[in-house]
Amino acid sequence: MLAWFEKFAEVIIVTLLGIVSVATAYVSFQASLYDSKMFQEYAVGQSLKTEAESMYLEANQQYAQDAQTLVALDQLAVEMESSNGQIAALAQAKYDALYYGGVSEVFGEAIDRANAANEQSDEEYVSPQEDEAYLEDLFGAYSEKNVAAEEKMKTGDSFNSLSDKLILYTVLMALSLFLLGVAAVVAKVTTRFSISAIAMVIFTVTAFLSALVPFASID
């Protein structure tokens, strides 16, 4: 084995240097692609996160406004029960105007359901703003956008993890290159063979682990 290696040592080492060099360049390229994909996913995720926050602020503002409207409607409803006909009529007119201008269709339906529930039971007050359909109408878009943002960030984290692995494998392959370079200038055959063998063991294991990482295509 050593005699055969000694005879073709230079050709073998040069060939191995070429193979390891190409593999190192490939793994490094794949790592850079995953880095690019990671930044892309993070950028999209952050953009979606910003949109989600904007939607939440808008929905929360509407929620607070609806709360004020609800209080005003309750006050006017009490005045509508007044024994004074003029006060009751004026309260009714204000109630109708406020309801028409300040209550959305979904919020109106929530008010109707809450009123029906409160009429059936006096034990616990049911607020229209606790209505699931109403909350979904207000915050549903925010929730969907926020989930999409989180998914993008998770994908970015996944790409980052794969990139880190490939960078580590690149370093190990570079170590193999270094060892093969040392083997190329060592005069003693046994030492040259041992160093080459160690380099190829490191490279083989690293190449196998690199092959387990999914291929990153160019978008």
C-alpha atoms as a PDB file:
ATOM      1  CA  MET A   1       0.000   0.000   0.000  1.00  0.00           C
ATOM      2  CA  LEU A   2       2.773   2.420   0.983  1.00  0.00           C
ATOM      3  CA  ALA A   3       4.824   1.418  -2.047  1.00  0.00           C
ATOM      4  CA  TRP A   4       1.922   2.155  -4.351  1.00  0.00           C
ATOM      5  CA  PHE A   5       1.214   5.435  -2.549  1.00  0.00           C
ATOM      6  CA  GLU A   6       4.885   6.433  -2.743  1.00  0.00           C
ATOM      7  CA  LYS A   7       4.905   5.815  -6.470  1.00  0.00           C
ATOM      8  CA  PHE A   8       1.846   7.980  -7.199  1.00  0.00           C
ATOM      9  CA  ALA A   9       1.939  10.241  -4.117  1.00  0.00           C
ATOM     10  CA  GLU A  10       2.194  13.528  -5.972  1.00  0.00           C
ATOM     11  CA  VAL A  11      -0.586  12.686  -8.405  1.00  0.00           C
ATOM     12  CA  ILE A  12      -2.826  11.407  -5.594  1.00  0.00           C
ATOM     13  CA  ILE A  13      -2.282  14.437  -3.384  1.00  0.00           C
ATOM     14  CA  VAL A  14      -2.776  16.894  -6.239  1.00  0.00           C
ATOM     15  CA  THR A  15      -5.969  15.086  -7.242  1.00  0.00           C
ATOM     16  CA  LEU A  16      -7.216  15.115  -3.660  1.00  0.00           C
ATOM     17  CA  LEU A  17      -6.354  18.802  -3.360  1.00  0.00           C
ATOM     18  CA  GLY A  18      -8.447  19.477  -6.440  1.00  0.00           C
ATOM     19  CA  ILE A  19     -11.415  17.456  -5.189  1.00  0.00           C
ATOM     20  CA  VAL A  20     -11.332  19.016  -1.714  1.00  0.00           C
ATOM     21  CA  SER A  21     -10.909  22.511  -3.181  1.00  0.00           C
ATOM     22  CA  VAL A  22     -13.957  22.122  -5.417  1.00  0.00           C
ATOM     23  CA  ALA A  23     -16.008  20.651  -2.562  1.00  0.00           C
ATOM     24  CA  THR A  24     -14.943  23.471  -0.236  1.00  0.00           C
ATOM     25  CA  ALA A  25     -15.943  26.084  -2.789  1.00  0.00           C
ATOM     26  CA  TYR A  26     -19.306  24.387  -3.316  1.00  0.00           C
ATOM     27  CA  VAL A  27     -20.093  24.161   0.400  1.00  0.00           C
ATOM     28  CA  SER A  28     -19.033  27.782   0.870  1.00  0.00           C
ATOM     29  CA  PHE A  29     -21.309  28.808  -1.998  1.00  0.00           C
ATOM     30  CA  GLN A  30     -24.221  26.916  -0.473  1.00  0.00           C
ATOM     31  CA  ALA A  31     -23.582  28.649   2.851  1.00  0.00           C
ATOM     32  CA  SER A  32     -23.694  32.043   1.130  1.00  0.00           C
ATOM     33  CA  LEU A  33     -26.975  31.121  -0.572  1.00  0.00           C
ATOM     34  CA  TYR A  34     -28.522  30.181   2.753  1.00  0.00           C
ATOM     35  CA  ASP A  35     -27.280  33.457   4.209  1.00  0.00           C
ATOM     36  CA  SER A  36     -28.984  35.292   1.365  1.00  0.00           C
ATOM     37  CA  LYS A  37     -32.204  33.341   1.875  1.00  0.00           C
ATOM     38  CA  MET A  38     -32.029  34.025   5.608  1.00  0.00           C
ATOM     39  CA  PHE A  39     -31.763  37.797   5.109  1.00  0.00           C
ATOM     40  CA  GLN A  40     -34.576  37.672   2.557  1.00  0.00           C
ATOM     41  CA  GLU A  41     -36.891  35.818   4.926  1.00  0.00           C
ATOM     42  CA  TYR A  42     -35.998  38.135   7.792  1.00  0.00           C
ATOM     43  CA  ALA A  43     -36.675  41.188   5.635  1.00  0.00           C
ATOM     44  CA  VAL A  44     -40.083  39.892   4.544  1.00  0.00           C
ATOM     45  CA  GLY A  45     -40.884  38.774   8.086  1.00  0.00           C
ATOM     46  CA  GLN A  46     -39.970  42.165   9.530  1.00  0.00           C
ATOM     47  CA  SER A  47     -42.074  43.902   6.883  1.00  0.00           C
ATOM     48  CA  LEU A  48     -45.045  41.686   7.729  1.00  0.00           C
ATOM     49  CA  LYS A  49     -44.424  42.308  11.427  1.00  0.00           C
ATOM     50  CA  THR A  50     -44.544  46.059  10.857  1.00  0.00           C
ATOM     51  CA  GLU A  51     -47.795  45.717   8.896  1.00  0.00           C
ATOM     52  CA  ALA A  52     -49.244  43.523  11.653  1.00  0.00           C
ATOM     53  CA  GLU A  53     -48.367  46.078  14.325  1.00  0.00           C
ATOM     54  CA  SER A  54     -49.984  48.798  12.251  1.00  0.00           C
ATOM     55  CA  MET A  55     -53.123  46.673  11.894  1.00  0.00           C
ATOM     56  CA  TYR A  56     -53.165  46.004  15.637  1.00  0.00           C
ATOM     57  CA  LEU A  57     -52.900  49.699  16.492  1.00  0.00           C
ATOM     58  CA  GLU A  58     -55.701  50.503  14.066  1.00  0.00           C
ATOM     59  CA  ALA A  59     -57.908  47.711  15.430  1.00  0.00           C
ATOM     60  CA  ASN A  60     -57.160  48.673  19.021  1.00  0.00           C
ATOM     61  CA  GLN A  61     -58.024  52.287  18.278  1.00  0.00           C
ATOM     62  CA  GLN A  62     -61.345  51.161  16.796  1.00  0.00           C
ATOM     63  CA  TYR A  63     -61.925  48.942  19.839  1.00  0.00           C
ATOM     64  CA  ALA A  64     -61.419  51.912  22.179  1.00  0.00           C
ATOM     65  CA  GLN A  65     -63.674  54.079  20.036  1.00  0.00           C
ATOM     66  CA  ASP A  66     -66.377  51.399  20.072  1.00  0.00           C
ATOM     67  CA  ALA A  67     -66.091  51.255  23.862  1.00  0.00           C
ATOM     68  CA  GLN A  68     -66.791  54.984  24.068  1.00  0.00           C
ATOM     69  CA  THR A  69     -69.667  54.618  21.632  1.00  0.00           C
ATOM     70  CA  LEU A  70     -71.121  51.790  23.700  1.00  0.00           C
ATOM     71  CA  VAL A  71     -71.012  53.882  26.875  1.00  0.00           C
ATOM     72  CA  ALA A  72     -72.736  56.770  25.092  1.00  0.00           C
ATOM     73  CA  LEU A  73     -75.418  54.435  23.709  1.00  0.00           C
ATOM     74  CA  ASP A  74     -76.063  53.007  27.181  1.00  0.00           C
ATOM     75  CA  GLN A  75     -76.449  56.503  28.602  1.00  0.00           C
ATOM     76  CA  LEU A  76     -78.848  57.500  25.839  1.00  0.00           C
ATOM     77  CA  ALA A  77     -80.799  54.264  26.329  1.00  0.00           C
ATOM     78  CA  VAL A  78     -81.379  55.283  29.938  1.00  0.00           C
ATOM     79  CA  GLU A  79     -82.543  58.758  28.883  1.00  0.00           C
ATOM     80  CA  MET A  80     -84.915  57.164  26.373  1.00  0.00           C
ATOM     81  CA  GLU A  81     -86.754  55.649  29.336  1.00  0.00           C
ATOM     82  CA  SER A  82     -87.420  59.115  30.775  1.00  0.00           C
ATOM     83  CA  SER A  83     -91.008  60.004  31.612  1.00  0.00           C
ATOM     84  CA  ASN A  84     -90.425  63.337  29.920  1.00  0.00           C
ATOM     85  CA  GLY A  85     -91.460  62.817  26.317  1.00  0.00           C
ATOM     86  CA  GLN A  86     -89.214  65.540  24.909  1.00  0.00           C
ATOM     87  CA  ILE A  87     -86.136  64.203  26.695  1.00  0.00           C
ATOM     88  CA  ALA A  88     -86.958  60.665  25.583  1.00  0.00           C
ATOM     89  CA  ALA A  89     -87.521  61.750  21.982  1.00  0.00           C
ATOM     90  CA  LEU A  90     -84.289  63.763  21.919  1.00  0.00           C
ATOM     91  CA  ALA A  91     -82.389  60.845  23.414  1.00  0.00           C
ATOM     92  CA  GLN A  92     -83.893  58.531  20.796  1.00  0.00           C
ATOM     93  CA  ALA A  93     -82.807  60.869  18.020  1.00  0.00           C
ATOM     94  CA  LYS A  94     -79.278  61.070  19.420  1.00  0.00           C
ATOM     95  CA  TYR A  95     -79.185  57.314  19.893  1.00  0.00           C
ATOM     96  CA  ASP A  96     -80.227  56.693  16.294  1.00  0.00           C
ATOM     97  CA  ALA A  97     -77.721  59.201  14.947  1.00  0.00           C
ATOM     98  CA  LEU A  98     -74.873  57.790  17.025  1.00  0.00           C
ATOM     99  CA  TYR A  99     -75.795  54.204  16.176  1.00  0.00           C
ATOM    100  CA  TYR A 100     -75.999  54.962  12.466  1.00  0.00           C
ATOM    101  CA  GLY A 101     -72.732  56.877  12.357  1.00  0.00           C
ATOM    102  CA  GLY A 102     -70.637  55.072  14.949  1.00  0.00           C
ATOM    103  CA  VAL A 103     -71.672  51.421  14.927  1.00  0.00           C
ATOM    104  CA  SER A 104     -70.473  49.060  12.222  1.00  0.00           C
ATOM    105  CA  GLU A 105     -72.598  46.186  10.985  1.00  0.00           C
ATOM    106  CA  VAL A 106     -70.503  43.621  12.848  1.00  0.00           C
ATOM    107  CA  PHE A 107     -70.487  45.670  16.040  1.00  0.00           C
ATOM    108  CA  GLY A 108     -74.240  46.159  15.719  1.00  0.00           C
ATOM    109  CA  GLU A 109     -74.759  42.419  15.467  1.00  0.00           C
ATOM    110  CA  ALA A 110     -72.556  41.947  18.532  1.00  0.00           C
ATOM    111  CA  ILE A 111     -74.675  44.484  20.426  1.00  0.00           C
ATOM    112  CA  ASP A 112     -77.854  42.641  19.438  1.00  0.00           C
ATOM    113  CA  ARG A 113     -76.448  39.300  20.592  1.00  0.00           C
ATOM    114  CA  ALA A 114     -75.218  40.812  23.864  1.00  0.00           C
ATOM    115  CA  ASN A 115     -78.583  42.468  24.518  1.00  0.00           C
ATOM    116  CA  ALA A 116     -80.386  39.192  23.880  1.00  0.00           C
ATOM    117  CA  ALA A 117     -78.061  37.351  26.258  1.00  0.00           C
ATOM    118  CA  ASN A 118     -78.439  40.003  28.951  1.00  0.00           C
ATOM    119  CA  GLU A 119     -82.215  39.881  28.681  1.00  0.00           C
ATOM    120  CA  GLN A 120     -82.185  36.142  29.252  1.00  0.00           C
ATOM    121  CA  SER A 121     -79.890  36.265  32.267  1.00  0.00           C
ATOM    122  CA  ASP A 122     -79.256  38.888  34.943  1.00  0.00           C
ATOM    123  CA  GLU A 123     -76.443  36.949  36.597  1.00  0.00           C
ATOM    124  CA  GLU A 124     -73.565  38.202  34.456  1.00  0.00           C
ATOM    125  CA  TYR A 125     -73.300  41.125  32.068  1.00  0.00           C
ATOM    126  CA  VAL A 126     -72.304  40.175  28.535  1.00  0.00           C
ATOM    127  CA  SER A 127     -70.325  42.862  26.751  1.00  0.00           C
ATOM    128  CA  PRO A 128     -70.657  43.232  22.981  1.00  0.00           C
ATOM    129  CA  GLN A 129     -66.906  43.768  22.873  1.00  0.00           C
ATOM    130  CA  GLU A 130     -66.345  40.231  24.106  1.00  0.00           C
ATOM    131  CA  ASP A 131     -68.181  38.843  21.094  1.00  0.00           C
ATOM    132  CA  GLU A 132     -65.943  36.452  19.122  1.00  0.00           C
ATOM    133  CA  ALA A 133     -67.219  37.528  15.712  1.00  0.00           C
ATOM    134  CA  TYR A 134     -66.645  41.162  16.609  1.00  0.00           C
ATOM    135  CA  LEU A 135     -63.098  40.519  17.859  1.00  0.00           C
ATOM    136  CA  GLU A 136     -62.321  38.418  14.803  1.00  0.00           C
ATOM    137  CA  ASP A 137     -63.526  41.229  12.549  1.00  0.00           C
ATOM    138  CA  LEU A 138     -61.298  43.729  14.348  1.00  0.00           C
ATOM    139  CA  PHE A 139     -58.173  41.684  15.049  1.00  0.00           C
ATOM    140  CA  GLY A 140     -58.437  38.792  12.591  1.00  0.00           C
ATOM    141  CA  ALA A 141     -56.346  40.450   9.885  1.00  0.00           C
ATOM    142  CA  TYR A 142     -53.700  41.371  12.447  1.00  0.00           C
ATOM    143  CA  SER A 143     -53.546  37.798  13.742  1.00  0.00           C
ATOM    144  CA  GLU A 144     -53.146  36.347  10.236  1.00  0.00           C
ATOM    145  CA  LYS A 145     -50.452  38.859   9.325  1.00  0.00           C
ATOM    146  CA  ASN A 146     -48.638  38.273  12.614  1.00  0.00           C
ATOM    147  CA  VAL A 147     -48.679  34.499  12.098  1.00  0.00           C
ATOM    148  CA  ALA A 148     -47.301  34.957   8.577  1.00  0.00           C
ATOM    149  CA  ALA A 149     -44.534  37.174   9.978  1.00  0.00           C
ATOM    150  CA  GLU A 150     -43.627  34.596  12.619  1.00  0.00           C
ATOM    151  CA  GLU A 151     -43.487  31.864   9.978  1.00  0.00           C
ATOM    152  CA  LYS A 152     -41.105  33.951   7.871  1.00  0.00           C
ATOM    153  CA  MET A 153     -38.875  34.605  10.872  1.00  0.00           C
ATOM    154  CA  LYS A 154     -38.838  30.894  11.738  1.00  0.00           C
ATOM    155  CA  THR A 155     -37.881  30.056   8.157  1.00  0.00           C
ATOM    156  CA  GLY A 156     -35.116  32.637   8.394  1.00  0.00           C
ATOM    157  CA  ASP A 157     -33.879  31.009  11.613  1.00  0.00           C
ATOM    158  CA  SER A 158     -33.880  27.638   9.861  1.00  0.00           C
ATOM    159  CA  PHE A 159     -31.814  29.018   6.964  1.00  0.00           C
ATOM    160  CA  ASN A 160     -29.444  30.643   9.457  1.00  0.00           C
ATOM    161  CA  SER A 161     -28.918  27.308  11.201  1.00  0.00           C
ATOM    162  CA  LEU A 162     -28.156  25.566   7.897  1.00  0.00           C
ATOM    163  CA  SER A 163     -25.770  28.343   6.923  1.00  0.00           C
ATOM    164  CA  ASP A 164     -23.902  28.015  10.231  1.00  0.00           C
ATOM    165  CA  LYS A 165     -23.531  24.274   9.689  1.00  0.00           C
ATOM    166  CA  LEU A 166     -22.160  24.764   6.178  1.00  0.00           C
ATOM    167  CA  ILE A 167     -19.717  27.404   7.387  1.00  0.00           C
ATOM    168  CA  LEU A 168     -18.423  24.922   9.974  1.00  0.00           C
ATOM    169  CA  TYR A 169     -18.094  22.264   7.278  1.00  0.00           C
ATOM    170  CA  THR A 170     -16.211  24.759   5.105  1.00  0.00           C
ATOM    171  CA  VAL A 171     -13.733  25.344   7.919  1.00  0.00           C
ATOM    172  CA  LEU A 172     -13.213  21.589   8.339  1.00  0.00           C
ATOM    173  CA  MET A 173     -12.670  21.165   4.604  1.00  0.00           C
ATOM    174  CA  ALA A 174     -10.190  24.031   4.695  1.00  0.00           C
ATOM    175  CA  LEU A 175      -8.377  22.087   7.424  1.00  0.00           C
ATOM    176  CA  SER A 176      -8.291  19.099   5.090  1.00  0.00           C
ATOM    177  CA  LEU A 177      -6.778  21.317   2.404  1.00  0.00           C
ATOM    178  CA  PHE A 178      -4.153  22.520   4.846  1.00  0.00           C
ATOM    179  CA  LEU A 179      -3.227  18.961   5.823  1.00  0.00           C
ATOM    180  CA  LEU A 180      -3.011  17.878   2.184  1.00  0.00           C
ATOM    181  CA  GLY A 181      -0.804  20.879   1.501  1.00  0.00           C
ATOM    182  CA  VAL A 182       1.495  19.805   4.332  1.00  0.00           C
ATOM    183  CA  ALA A 183       1.489  16.221   3.016  1.00  0.00           C
ATOM    184  CA  ALA A 184       2.561  17.486  -0.401  1.00  0.00           C
ATOM    185  CA  VAL A 185       5.835  18.868   0.952  1.00  0.00           C
ATOM    186  CA  VAL A 186       6.676  16.174   3.515  1.00  0.00           C
ATOM    187  CA  ALA A 187       9.475  13.897   2.372  1.00  0.00           C
ATOM    188  CA  LYS A 188       8.851  10.850   4.548  1.00  0.00           C
ATOM    189  CA  VAL A 189       6.346   8.520   2.911  1.00  0.00           C
ATOM    190  CA  THR A 190       4.751   7.199   6.098  1.00  0.00           C
ATOM    191  CA  THR A 191       4.214  10.729   7.419  1.00  0.00           C
ATOM    192  CA  ARG A 192       2.881  11.890   4.080  1.00  0.00           C
ATOM    193  CA  PHE A 193       0.474   8.935   3.961  1.00  0.00           C
ATOM    194  CA  SER A 194      -0.694   9.451   7.549  1.00  0.00           C
ATOM    195  CA  ILE A 195      -1.362  13.159   7.079  1.00  0.00           C
ATOM    196  CA  SER A 196      -3.196  12.478   3.803  1.00  0.00           C
ATOM    197  CA  ALA A 197      -5.281   9.777   5.460  1.00  0.00           C
ATOM    198  CA  ILE A 198      -6.240  12.080   8.341  1.00  0.00           C
ATOM    199  CA  ALA A 199      -7.133  14.836   5.883  1.00  0.00           C
ATOM    200  CA  MET A 200      -9.359  12.509   3.862  1.00  0.00           C
ATOM    201  CA  VAL A 201     -11.101  11.146   6.951  1.00  0.00           C
ATOM    202  CA  ILE A 202     -11.961  14.707   7.985  1.00  0.00           C
ATOM    203  CA  PHE A 203     -13.043  15.534   4.442  1.00  0.00           C
ATOM    204  CA  THR A 204     -15.137  12.379   4.003  1.00  0.00           C
ATOM    205  CA  VAL A 205     -17.039  12.916   7.226  1.00  0.00           C
ATOM    206  CA  THR A 206     -17.538  16.602   6.437  1.00  0.00           C
ATOM    207  CA  ALA A 207     -18.651  15.879   2.876  1.00  0.00           C
ATOM    208  CA  PHE A 208     -21.193  13.361   4.170  1.00  0.00           C
ATOM    209  CA  LEU A 209     -22.590  15.875   6.659  1.00  0.00           C
ATOM    210  CA  SER A 210     -22.691  18.537   3.951  1.00  0.00           C
ATOM    211  CA  ALA A 211     -24.658  16.212   1.711  1.00  0.00           C
ATOM    212  CA  LEU A 212     -27.323  15.946   4.416  1.00  0.00           C
ATOM    213  CA  VAL A 213     -28.022  19.671   4.138  1.00  0.00           C
ATOM    214  CA  PRO A 214     -30.790  20.361   1.579  1.00  0.00           C
ATOM    215  CA  PHE A 215     -29.635  21.893  -1.688  1.00  0.00           C
ATOM    216  CA  ALA A 216     -30.093  25.651  -1.809  1.00  0.00           C
ATOM    217  CA  SER A 217     -31.084  26.794  -5.286  1.00  0.00           C
ATOM    218  CA  ILE A 218     -30.524  30.245  -6.741  1.00  0.00           C
ATOM    219  CA  ASP A 219     -33.787  32.182  -6.720  1.00  0.00           C
END
